[in-house]
């Protein structure tokens, strides 16, 4: 289908309310998954991180996507996605940007497109998924503060955003809105084959189009840093094996090497080592 047939999403923010990654998703996200080498990077956009800027200055923001689209101009664009979601409202803004792009948009879900990222993934003329990839759809996930009256107001305020997500999924799949609403209520994970069968995607990617390992020690270290940051931000409890994997990845980088986009990484590594020690003691 043409992305022009998709509804435009309403985007608004509310003071005191923030949208973030679900702790359940954090443990399942593998940040090492990416597109196989060889594609034309000049016409592709990578969404391989949480949605919304994080404390490291990374994360996928609408501002970054808008800049990338402007630099490419009109014409076809490929969007590679492996994201645990994050800021739902930022995700809606990115969805709108892709929907309005003057050129064919192909979305490829390489690993995970969860929550806000699943909405972004719908904004393509063609959607392709790796066989082992997943969409995850659920109601808007937020953190808020206030008394019982404030929480009632927030719950009512969230209704249009859940309805917007349902409308987008419905336009793409043709599944009844009541059924989609129930899928959001129970948090639904949809594998690659099921996504194609249900209309969330058009085709499966070939296995050789996806890589599931970092290209070098520095990228492995950066992926571990990002996952640790998400765990700490969401209060996710890691298993012993997950803690050991993160620790091994962080130790794998060369001494003093600075992952792209991070300043003072050598000092940061000492701080992260202390945080990992604390995490291992939980």
C-alpha atoms as a PDB file:
ATOM      1  CA  UNK A   1       0.000   0.000   0.000  1.00  0.00           C
ATOM      2  CA  UNK A   2       1.042   3.624  -0.404  1.00  0.00           C
ATOM      3  CA  UNK A   3       2.061   5.395   2.774  1.00  0.00           C
ATOM      4  CA  UNK A   4      -0.105   8.273   1.522  1.00  0.00           C
ATOM      5  CA  UNK A   5      -3.144   6.197   2.508  1.00  0.00           C
ATOM      6  CA  UNK A   6      -2.015   6.151   6.143  1.00  0.00           C
ATOM      7  CA  UNK A   7      -3.523   8.628   8.624  1.00  0.00           C
ATOM      8  CA  UNK A   8      -1.433  11.518   9.906  1.00  0.00           C
ATOM      9  CA  UNK A   9      -0.666  11.166  13.621  1.00  0.00           C
ATOM     10  CA  UNK A  10      -1.516  13.851  16.151  1.00  0.00           C
ATOM     11  CA  UNK A  11       1.511  14.710  18.309  1.00  0.00           C
ATOM     12  CA  UNK A  12       1.397  16.597  21.602  1.00  0.00           C
ATOM     13  CA  UNK A  13       3.339  16.611  24.842  1.00  0.00           C
ATOM     14  CA  UNK A  14       2.149  16.988  28.429  1.00  0.00           C
ATOM     15  CA  UNK A  15       4.233  18.453  31.264  1.00  0.00           C
ATOM     16  CA  UNK A  16       5.118  15.864  33.885  1.00  0.00           C
ATOM     17  CA  UNK A  17       4.618  12.887  31.574  1.00  0.00           C
ATOM     18  CA  UNK A  18       7.426  11.066  29.787  1.00  0.00           C
ATOM     19  CA  UNK A  19       7.314   8.049  27.501  1.00  0.00           C
ATOM     20  CA  UNK A  20      10.033   5.416  27.776  1.00  0.00           C
ATOM     21  CA  UNK A  21      11.056   1.875  26.904  1.00  0.00           C
ATOM     22  CA  UNK A  22       9.242  -0.957  28.658  1.00  0.00           C
ATOM     23  CA  UNK A  23      11.585  -2.891  30.957  1.00  0.00           C
ATOM     24  CA  UNK A  24      10.329  -6.158  29.427  1.00  0.00           C
ATOM     25  CA  UNK A  25      11.481  -4.998  25.990  1.00  0.00           C
ATOM     26  CA  UNK A  26      14.940  -3.955  27.189  1.00  0.00           C
ATOM     27  CA  UNK A  27      15.891  -7.517  28.108  1.00  0.00           C
ATOM     28  CA  UNK A  28      14.806  -8.850  24.700  1.00  0.00           C
ATOM     29  CA  UNK A  29      16.444  -6.192  22.520  1.00  0.00           C
ATOM     30  CA  UNK A  30      19.713  -7.175  20.815  1.00  0.00           C
ATOM     31  CA  UNK A  31      21.504  -3.943  19.776  1.00  0.00           C
ATOM     32  CA  UNK A  32      24.065  -5.939  17.745  1.00  0.00           C
ATOM     33  CA  UNK A  33      21.589  -6.630  14.914  1.00  0.00           C
ATOM     34  CA  UNK A  34      22.091  -4.443  11.857  1.00  0.00           C
ATOM     35  CA  UNK A  35      21.879  -4.480   8.063  1.00  0.00           C
ATOM     36  CA  UNK A  36      24.516  -6.525   6.295  1.00  0.00           C
ATOM     37  CA  UNK A  37      27.326  -4.519   4.727  1.00  0.00           C
ATOM     38  CA  UNK A  38      27.036  -3.517   1.118  1.00  0.00           C
ATOM     39  CA  UNK A  39      23.887  -1.400   0.843  1.00  0.00           C
ATOM     40  CA  UNK A  40      23.928   2.205  -0.385  1.00  0.00           C
ATOM     41  CA  UNK A  41      24.210   4.251   2.825  1.00  0.00           C
ATOM     42  CA  UNK A  42      23.501   7.441   0.887  1.00  0.00           C
ATOM     43  CA  UNK A  43      19.834   6.456   0.556  1.00  0.00           C
ATOM     44  CA  UNK A  44      19.306   4.698   3.881  1.00  0.00           C
ATOM     45  CA  UNK A  45      18.410   5.743   7.418  1.00  0.00           C
ATOM     46  CA  UNK A  46      19.308   3.599  10.433  1.00  0.00           C
ATOM     47  CA  UNK A  47      16.972   3.446  13.433  1.00  0.00           C
ATOM     48  CA  UNK A  48      19.088   1.124  15.562  1.00  0.00           C
ATOM     49  CA  UNK A  49      18.590   2.670  18.981  1.00  0.00           C
ATOM     50  CA  UNK A  50      15.924   3.809  21.413  1.00  0.00           C
ATOM     51  CA  UNK A  51      13.496   6.440  20.122  1.00  0.00           C
ATOM     52  CA  UNK A  52      14.232   9.887  21.586  1.00  0.00           C
ATOM     53  CA  UNK A  53      17.559  11.397  22.613  1.00  0.00           C
ATOM     54  CA  UNK A  54      19.306   9.780  25.596  1.00  0.00           C
ATOM     55  CA  UNK A  55      21.889  10.996  28.128  1.00  0.00           C
ATOM     56  CA  UNK A  56      24.715  10.060  25.746  1.00  0.00           C
ATOM     57  CA  UNK A  57      23.399  12.353  23.032  1.00  0.00           C
ATOM     58  CA  UNK A  58      22.433   9.276  21.019  1.00  0.00           C
ATOM     59  CA  UNK A  59      18.972   7.884  20.402  1.00  0.00           C
ATOM     60  CA  UNK A  60      16.766   8.475  17.393  1.00  0.00           C
ATOM     61  CA  UNK A  61      15.031  11.849  17.323  1.00  0.00           C
ATOM     62  CA  UNK A  62      12.602  13.407  14.859  1.00  0.00           C
ATOM     63  CA  UNK A  63      15.128  16.214  14.391  1.00  0.00           C
ATOM     64  CA  UNK A  64      17.786  13.736  13.270  1.00  0.00           C
ATOM     65  CA  UNK A  65      15.422  11.946  10.870  1.00  0.00           C
ATOM     66  CA  UNK A  66      14.225  15.253   9.416  1.00  0.00           C
ATOM     67  CA  UNK A  67      17.834  16.303   8.765  1.00  0.00           C
ATOM     68  CA  UNK A  68      18.611  12.972   7.088  1.00  0.00           C
ATOM     69  CA  UNK A  69      15.583  13.239   4.814  1.00  0.00           C
ATOM     70  CA  UNK A  70      16.440  16.822   3.867  1.00  0.00           C
ATOM     71  CA  UNK A  71      19.987  15.822   2.938  1.00  0.00           C
ATOM     72  CA  UNK A  72      18.684  13.035   0.679  1.00  0.00           C
ATOM     73  CA  UNK A  73      16.086  15.150  -1.058  1.00  0.00           C
ATOM     74  CA  UNK A  74      13.234  13.553  -2.981  1.00  0.00           C
ATOM     75  CA  UNK A  75      13.584   9.948  -4.028  1.00  0.00           C
ATOM     76  CA  UNK A  76      13.528   6.432  -2.575  1.00  0.00           C
ATOM     77  CA  UNK A  77      14.670   5.859   1.019  1.00  0.00           C
ATOM     78  CA  UNK A  78      15.352   2.650   2.934  1.00  0.00           C
ATOM     79  CA  UNK A  79      14.790   2.725   6.701  1.00  0.00           C
ATOM     80  CA  UNK A  80      16.520  -0.045   8.699  1.00  0.00           C
ATOM     81  CA  UNK A  81      14.921  -0.624  12.100  1.00  0.00           C
ATOM     82  CA  UNK A  82      16.110  -2.449  15.208  1.00  0.00           C
ATOM     83  CA  UNK A  83      14.719  -0.479  18.126  1.00  0.00           C
ATOM     84  CA  UNK A  84      13.159  -1.224  21.535  1.00  0.00           C
ATOM     85  CA  UNK A  85      10.933   1.843  21.197  1.00  0.00           C
ATOM     86  CA  UNK A  86      11.093   4.697  23.659  1.00  0.00           C
ATOM     87  CA  UNK A  87       9.501   8.129  23.395  1.00  0.00           C
ATOM     88  CA  UNK A  88       6.115   7.374  21.811  1.00  0.00           C
ATOM     89  CA  UNK A  89       5.416  11.003  20.964  1.00  0.00           C
ATOM     90  CA  UNK A  90       8.778  11.353  19.225  1.00  0.00           C
ATOM     91  CA  UNK A  91       7.943   8.140  17.389  1.00  0.00           C
ATOM     92  CA  UNK A  92       4.700   9.611  16.075  1.00  0.00           C
ATOM     93  CA  UNK A  93       6.634  12.645  14.822  1.00  0.00           C
ATOM     94  CA  UNK A  94       9.099  10.379  12.966  1.00  0.00           C
ATOM     95  CA  UNK A  95       6.180   8.399  11.514  1.00  0.00           C
ATOM     96  CA  UNK A  96       4.722  11.653  10.154  1.00  0.00           C
ATOM     97  CA  UNK A  97       8.065  12.640   8.606  1.00  0.00           C
ATOM     98  CA  UNK A  98       8.390   9.330   6.748  1.00  0.00           C
ATOM     99  CA  UNK A  99       4.748   9.381   5.708  1.00  0.00           C
ATOM    100  CA  UNK A 100       5.169  12.834   4.166  1.00  0.00           C
ATOM    101  CA  UNK A 101       8.474  12.089   2.394  1.00  0.00           C
ATOM    102  CA  UNK A 102       8.270  12.671  -1.369  1.00  0.00           C
ATOM    103  CA  UNK A 103       9.665   9.374  -2.491  1.00  0.00           C
ATOM    104  CA  UNK A 104       9.127   5.670  -1.932  1.00  0.00           C
ATOM    105  CA  UNK A 105       9.955   4.526   1.591  1.00  0.00           C
ATOM    106  CA  UNK A 106      10.983   0.926   2.257  1.00  0.00           C
ATOM    107  CA  UNK A 107      11.089  -0.088   5.921  1.00  0.00           C
ATOM    108  CA  UNK A 108      13.153  -3.137   6.906  1.00  0.00           C
ATOM    109  CA  UNK A 109      12.692  -4.536  10.402  1.00  0.00           C
ATOM    110  CA  UNK A 110      16.006  -6.252  11.111  1.00  0.00           C
ATOM    111  CA  UNK A 111      15.567  -7.287  14.731  1.00  0.00           C
ATOM    112  CA  UNK A 112      12.879  -5.544  16.746  1.00  0.00           C
ATOM    113  CA  UNK A 113      10.404  -2.747  16.176  1.00  0.00           C
ATOM    114  CA  UNK A 114       8.745  -2.366  19.551  1.00  0.00           C
ATOM    115  CA  UNK A 115       6.194   0.157  20.782  1.00  0.00           C
ATOM    116  CA  UNK A 116       6.992   3.564  19.208  1.00  0.00           C
ATOM    117  CA  UNK A 117       9.296   1.853  16.697  1.00  0.00           C
ATOM    118  CA  UNK A 118       6.422  -0.354  15.504  1.00  0.00           C
ATOM    119  CA  UNK A 119       4.439   2.777  14.608  1.00  0.00           C
ATOM    120  CA  UNK A 120       7.454   4.173  12.738  1.00  0.00           C
ATOM    121  CA  UNK A 121       7.750   0.870  10.872  1.00  0.00           C
ATOM    122  CA  UNK A 122       4.236   1.278   9.488  1.00  0.00           C
ATOM    123  CA  UNK A 123       5.251   4.458   7.587  1.00  0.00           C
ATOM    124  CA  UNK A 124       6.549   2.674   4.529  1.00  0.00           C
ATOM    125  CA  UNK A 125       5.215   1.986   1.059  1.00  0.00           C
ATOM    126  CA  UNK A 126       6.774  -1.438   1.562  1.00  0.00           C
ATOM    127  CA  UNK A 127       7.628  -3.170   4.838  1.00  0.00           C
ATOM    128  CA  UNK A 128      10.026  -6.105   4.983  1.00  0.00           C
ATOM    129  CA  UNK A 129      10.876  -8.128   8.097  1.00  0.00           C
ATOM    130  CA  UNK A 130      13.608 -10.570   8.976  1.00  0.00           C
ATOM    131  CA  UNK A 131      12.180 -13.996   9.692  1.00  0.00           C
ATOM    132  CA  UNK A 132      13.453 -13.844  13.293  1.00  0.00           C
ATOM    133  CA  UNK A 133      12.417 -10.230  13.858  1.00  0.00           C
ATOM    134  CA  UNK A 134       9.472  -8.985  15.935  1.00  0.00           C
ATOM    135  CA  UNK A 135       6.956  -6.193  16.071  1.00  0.00           C
ATOM    136  CA  UNK A 136       5.665  -5.422  19.543  1.00  0.00           C
ATOM    137  CA  UNK A 137       2.496  -3.380  19.933  1.00  0.00           C
ATOM    138  CA  UNK A 138       1.023  -2.143  23.196  1.00  0.00           C
ATOM    139  CA  UNK A 139      -0.734   0.822  24.741  1.00  0.00           C
ATOM    140  CA  UNK A 140       1.272   4.021  25.166  1.00  0.00           C
ATOM    141  CA  UNK A 141       3.800   3.436  27.966  1.00  0.00           C
ATOM    142  CA  UNK A 142       4.521   6.475  30.133  1.00  0.00           C
ATOM    143  CA  UNK A 143       5.961   7.557  33.458  1.00  0.00           C
ATOM    144  CA  UNK A 144       4.032  10.226  35.335  1.00  0.00           C
ATOM    145  CA  UNK A 145       3.918  11.861  38.767  1.00  0.00           C
ATOM    146  CA  UNK A 146       1.006  13.284  40.707  1.00  0.00           C
ATOM    147  CA  UNK A 147      -1.994  12.446  42.841  1.00  0.00           C
ATOM    148  CA  UNK A 148      -4.962  10.253  41.885  1.00  0.00           C
ATOM    149  CA  UNK A 149      -6.693  13.132  40.102  1.00  0.00           C
ATOM    150  CA  UNK A 150      -3.590  13.775  37.982  1.00  0.00           C
ATOM    151  CA  UNK A 151      -3.348  10.093  37.041  1.00  0.00           C
ATOM    152  CA  UNK A 152      -7.002  10.018  35.966  1.00  0.00           C
ATOM    153  CA  UNK A 153      -6.339  13.026  33.760  1.00  0.00           C
ATOM    154  CA  UNK A 154      -3.232  11.376  32.280  1.00  0.00           C
ATOM    155  CA  UNK A 155      -5.179   8.177  31.556  1.00  0.00           C
ATOM    156  CA  UNK A 156      -7.850  10.165  29.710  1.00  0.00           C
ATOM    157  CA  UNK A 157      -5.181  12.194  27.905  1.00  0.00           C
ATOM    158  CA  UNK A 158      -3.535   8.981  26.641  1.00  0.00           C
ATOM    159  CA  UNK A 159      -6.704   7.649  24.979  1.00  0.00           C
ATOM    160  CA  UNK A 160      -6.206   9.564  21.690  1.00  0.00           C
ATOM    161  CA  UNK A 161      -2.632   8.271  21.354  1.00  0.00           C
ATOM    162  CA  UNK A 162      -3.696   4.643  21.739  1.00  0.00           C
ATOM    163  CA  UNK A 163      -6.493   5.346  19.255  1.00  0.00           C
ATOM    164  CA  UNK A 164      -3.953   6.885  16.847  1.00  0.00           C
ATOM    165  CA  UNK A 165      -1.800   3.750  16.998  1.00  0.00           C
ATOM    166  CA  UNK A 166      -4.848   1.546  16.412  1.00  0.00           C
ATOM    167  CA  UNK A 167      -5.837   3.692  13.422  1.00  0.00           C
ATOM    168  CA  UNK A 168      -2.374   3.379  11.888  1.00  0.00           C
ATOM    169  CA  UNK A 169      -2.234  -0.403  12.357  1.00  0.00           C
ATOM    170  CA  UNK A 170      -5.790  -0.700  10.988  1.00  0.00           C
ATOM    171  CA  UNK A 171      -4.961   1.315   7.859  1.00  0.00           C
ATOM    172  CA  UNK A 172      -1.978  -0.943   7.221  1.00  0.00           C
ATOM    173  CA  UNK A 173      -3.540  -4.338   8.019  1.00  0.00           C
ATOM    174  CA  UNK A 174      -7.308  -4.025   7.686  1.00  0.00           C
ATOM    175  CA  UNK A 175      -7.682  -5.781  11.047  1.00  0.00           C
ATOM    176  CA  UNK A 176     -10.736  -4.551  12.960  1.00  0.00           C
ATOM    177  CA  UNK A 177      -9.955  -1.700  15.355  1.00  0.00           C
ATOM    178  CA  UNK A 178     -11.602  -3.520  18.256  1.00  0.00           C
ATOM    179  CA  UNK A 179      -9.322  -6.521  17.694  1.00  0.00           C
ATOM    180  CA  UNK A 180      -6.268  -4.276  17.427  1.00  0.00           C
ATOM    181  CA  UNK A 181      -7.261  -2.501  20.639  1.00  0.00           C
ATOM    182  CA  UNK A 182      -7.356  -5.867  22.402  1.00  0.00           C
ATOM    183  CA  UNK A 183      -3.911  -6.692  20.978  1.00  0.00           C
ATOM    184  CA  UNK A 184      -2.549  -3.450  22.425  1.00  0.00           C
ATOM    185  CA  UNK A 185      -4.197  -4.130  25.781  1.00  0.00           C
ATOM    186  CA  UNK A 186      -2.450  -7.473  26.195  1.00  0.00           C
ATOM    187  CA  UNK A 187       0.910  -6.393  24.613  1.00  0.00           C
ATOM    188  CA  UNK A 188       1.323  -8.478  21.491  1.00  0.00           C
ATOM    189  CA  UNK A 189       4.565  -9.759  19.940  1.00  0.00           C
ATOM    190  CA  UNK A 190       4.349 -10.533  16.220  1.00  0.00           C
ATOM    191  CA  UNK A 191       7.088 -12.522  14.477  1.00  0.00           C
ATOM    192  CA  UNK A 192       8.194 -11.954  10.890  1.00  0.00           C
ATOM    193  CA  UNK A 193       6.045 -14.635   9.242  1.00  0.00           C
ATOM    194  CA  UNK A 194       2.989 -13.724  11.325  1.00  0.00           C
ATOM    195  CA  UNK A 195       3.474 -10.036  10.503  1.00  0.00           C
ATOM    196  CA  UNK A 196       3.376 -10.805   6.780  1.00  0.00           C
ATOM    197  CA  UNK A 197       0.341 -13.077   7.200  1.00  0.00           C
ATOM    198  CA  UNK A 198      -1.543 -10.432   9.204  1.00  0.00           C
ATOM    199  CA  UNK A 199      -0.688  -7.530   6.905  1.00  0.00           C
ATOM    200  CA  UNK A 200       1.766  -5.687   9.158  1.00  0.00           C
ATOM    201  CA  UNK A 201       4.497  -6.393   6.586  1.00  0.00           C
ATOM    202  CA  UNK A 202       4.716  -7.214   2.880  1.00  0.00           C
ATOM    203  CA  UNK A 203       7.593  -9.690   2.681  1.00  0.00           C
ATOM    204  CA  UNK A 204      10.392 -11.433   4.547  1.00  0.00           C
ATOM    205  CA  UNK A 205      14.021 -10.369   4.201  1.00  0.00           C
ATOM    206  CA  UNK A 206      16.635 -12.807   2.960  1.00  0.00           C
ATOM    207  CA  UNK A 207      18.808 -14.154   5.776  1.00  0.00           C
ATOM    208  CA  UNK A 208      21.982 -12.687   4.234  1.00  0.00           C
ATOM    209  CA  UNK A 209      20.560  -9.139   4.493  1.00  0.00           C
ATOM    210  CA  UNK A 210      20.915  -9.097   8.291  1.00  0.00           C
ATOM    211  CA  UNK A 211      23.991  -9.309  10.526  1.00  0.00           C
ATOM    212  CA  UNK A 212      23.700 -10.294  14.171  1.00  0.00           C
ATOM    213  CA  UNK A 213      27.172  -9.434  15.448  1.00  0.00           C
ATOM    214  CA  UNK A 214      29.143  -6.213  16.011  1.00  0.00           C
ATOM    215  CA  UNK A 215      31.686  -5.322  13.336  1.00  0.00           C
ATOM    216  CA  UNK A 216      34.449  -4.728  15.899  1.00  0.00           C
ATOM    217  CA  UNK A 217      35.184  -4.504  19.630  1.00  0.00           C
ATOM    218  CA  UNK A 218      34.368  -0.799  19.775  1.00  0.00           C
ATOM    219  CA  UNK A 219      30.886  -1.293  18.327  1.00  0.00           C
ATOM    220  CA  UNK A 220      30.284  -4.212  20.708  1.00  0.00           C
ATOM    221  CA  UNK A 221      31.273  -1.997  23.624  1.00  0.00           C
ATOM    222  CA  UNK A 222      28.999   0.805  22.462  1.00  0.00           C
ATOM    223  CA  UNK A 223      26.063  -1.600  22.090  1.00  0.00           C
ATOM    224  CA  UNK A 224      26.668  -2.810  25.667  1.00  0.00           C
ATOM    225  CA  UNK A 225      26.798   0.774  26.921  1.00  0.00           C
ATOM    226  CA  UNK A 226      23.460   1.559  25.273  1.00  0.00           C
ATOM    227  CA  UNK A 227      21.777  -1.528  26.669  1.00  0.00           C
ATOM    228  CA  UNK A 228      23.147  -0.868  30.150  1.00  0.00           C
ATOM    229  CA  UNK A 229      21.931   2.724  29.950  1.00  0.00           C
ATOM    230  CA  UNK A 230      18.417   1.509  29.089  1.00  0.00           C
ATOM    231  CA  UNK A 231      18.462  -1.020  31.926  1.00  0.00           C
ATOM    232  CA  UNK A 232      19.494   1.604  34.456  1.00  0.00           C
ATOM    233  CA  UNK A 233      17.004   4.144  33.126  1.00  0.00           C
ATOM    234  CA  UNK A 234      14.075   1.735  33.305  1.00  0.00           C
ATOM    235  CA  UNK A 235      15.152  -0.118  36.450  1.00  0.00           C
ATOM    236  CA  UNK A 236      15.288  -3.384  34.522  1.00  0.00           C
ATOM    237  CA  UNK A 237      16.560  -6.329  36.566  1.00  0.00           C
ATOM    238  CA  UNK A 238      19.173  -8.231  34.571  1.00  0.00           C
ATOM    239  CA  UNK A 239      19.809 -11.957  34.909  1.00  0.00           C
ATOM    240  CA  UNK A 240      23.273 -13.186  35.871  1.00  0.00           C
ATOM    241  CA  UNK A 241      23.994 -14.293  32.299  1.00  0.00           C
ATOM    242  CA  UNK A 242      22.914 -10.887  30.934  1.00  0.00           C
ATOM    243  CA  UNK A 243      25.140  -9.087  33.432  1.00  0.00           C
ATOM    244  CA  UNK A 244      28.108 -11.267  32.457  1.00  0.00           C
ATOM    245  CA  UNK A 245      27.498 -10.642  28.740  1.00  0.00           C
ATOM    246  CA  UNK A 246      27.386  -6.881  29.289  1.00  0.00           C
ATOM    247  CA  UNK A 247      30.517  -6.951  31.424  1.00  0.00           C
ATOM    248  CA  UNK A 248      32.380  -9.036  28.825  1.00  0.00           C
ATOM    249  CA  UNK A 249      31.342  -6.637  26.043  1.00  0.00           C
ATOM    250  CA  UNK A 250      32.451  -3.586  28.014  1.00  0.00           C
ATOM    251  CA  UNK A 251      35.818  -5.182  28.738  1.00  0.00           C
ATOM    252  CA  UNK A 252      36.251  -6.102  25.074  1.00  0.00           C
ATOM    253  CA  UNK A 253      36.983  -2.574  23.831  1.00  0.00           C
ATOM    254  CA  UNK A 254      40.531  -1.352  23.447  1.00  0.00           C
ATOM    255  CA  UNK A 255      41.865   0.682  26.336  1.00  0.00           C
ATOM    256  CA  UNK A 256      41.039   4.349  25.899  1.00  0.00           C
ATOM    257  CA  UNK A 257      38.985   3.761  22.765  1.00  0.00           C
ATOM    258  CA  UNK A 258      36.067   6.151  22.477  1.00  0.00           C
ATOM    259  CA  UNK A 259      32.871   4.838  20.871  1.00  0.00           C
ATOM    260  CA  UNK A 260      31.461   7.165  18.227  1.00  0.00           C
ATOM    261  CA  UNK A 261      29.475  10.036  19.710  1.00  0.00           C
ATOM    262  CA  UNK A 262      30.936   9.704  23.225  1.00  0.00           C
ATOM    263  CA  UNK A 263      33.496  12.005  24.761  1.00  0.00           C
ATOM    264  CA  UNK A 264      35.851  10.946  27.521  1.00  0.00           C
ATOM    265  CA  UNK A 265      34.969   7.283  27.010  1.00  0.00           C
ATOM    266  CA  UNK A 266      37.981   6.096  29.013  1.00  0.00           C
ATOM    267  CA  UNK A 267      36.667   7.932  32.083  1.00  0.00           C
ATOM    268  CA  UNK A 268      33.115   6.822  31.285  1.00  0.00           C
ATOM    269  CA  UNK A 269      34.299   3.222  31.274  1.00  0.00           C
ATOM    270  CA  UNK A 270      35.513   3.533  34.858  1.00  0.00           C
ATOM    271  CA  UNK A 271      32.111   4.857  35.896  1.00  0.00           C
ATOM    272  CA  UNK A 272      30.343   2.099  33.996  1.00  0.00           C
ATOM    273  CA  UNK A 273      32.570  -0.496  35.613  1.00  0.00           C
ATOM    274  CA  UNK A 274      31.457   0.745  39.018  1.00  0.00           C
ATOM    275  CA  UNK A 275      27.827   0.638  37.891  1.00  0.00           C
ATOM    276  CA  UNK A 276      28.250  -2.905  36.639  1.00  0.00           C
ATOM    277  CA  UNK A 277      29.752  -3.946  39.953  1.00  0.00           C
ATOM    278  CA  UNK A 278      26.645  -2.602  41.648  1.00  0.00           C
ATOM    279  CA  UNK A 279      24.392  -4.273  39.083  1.00  0.00           C
ATOM    280  CA  UNK A 280      26.099  -7.620  39.676  1.00  0.00           C
ATOM    281  CA  UNK A 281      25.484  -7.315  43.403  1.00  0.00           C
ATOM    282  CA  UNK A 282      21.702  -7.036  43.006  1.00  0.00           C
END
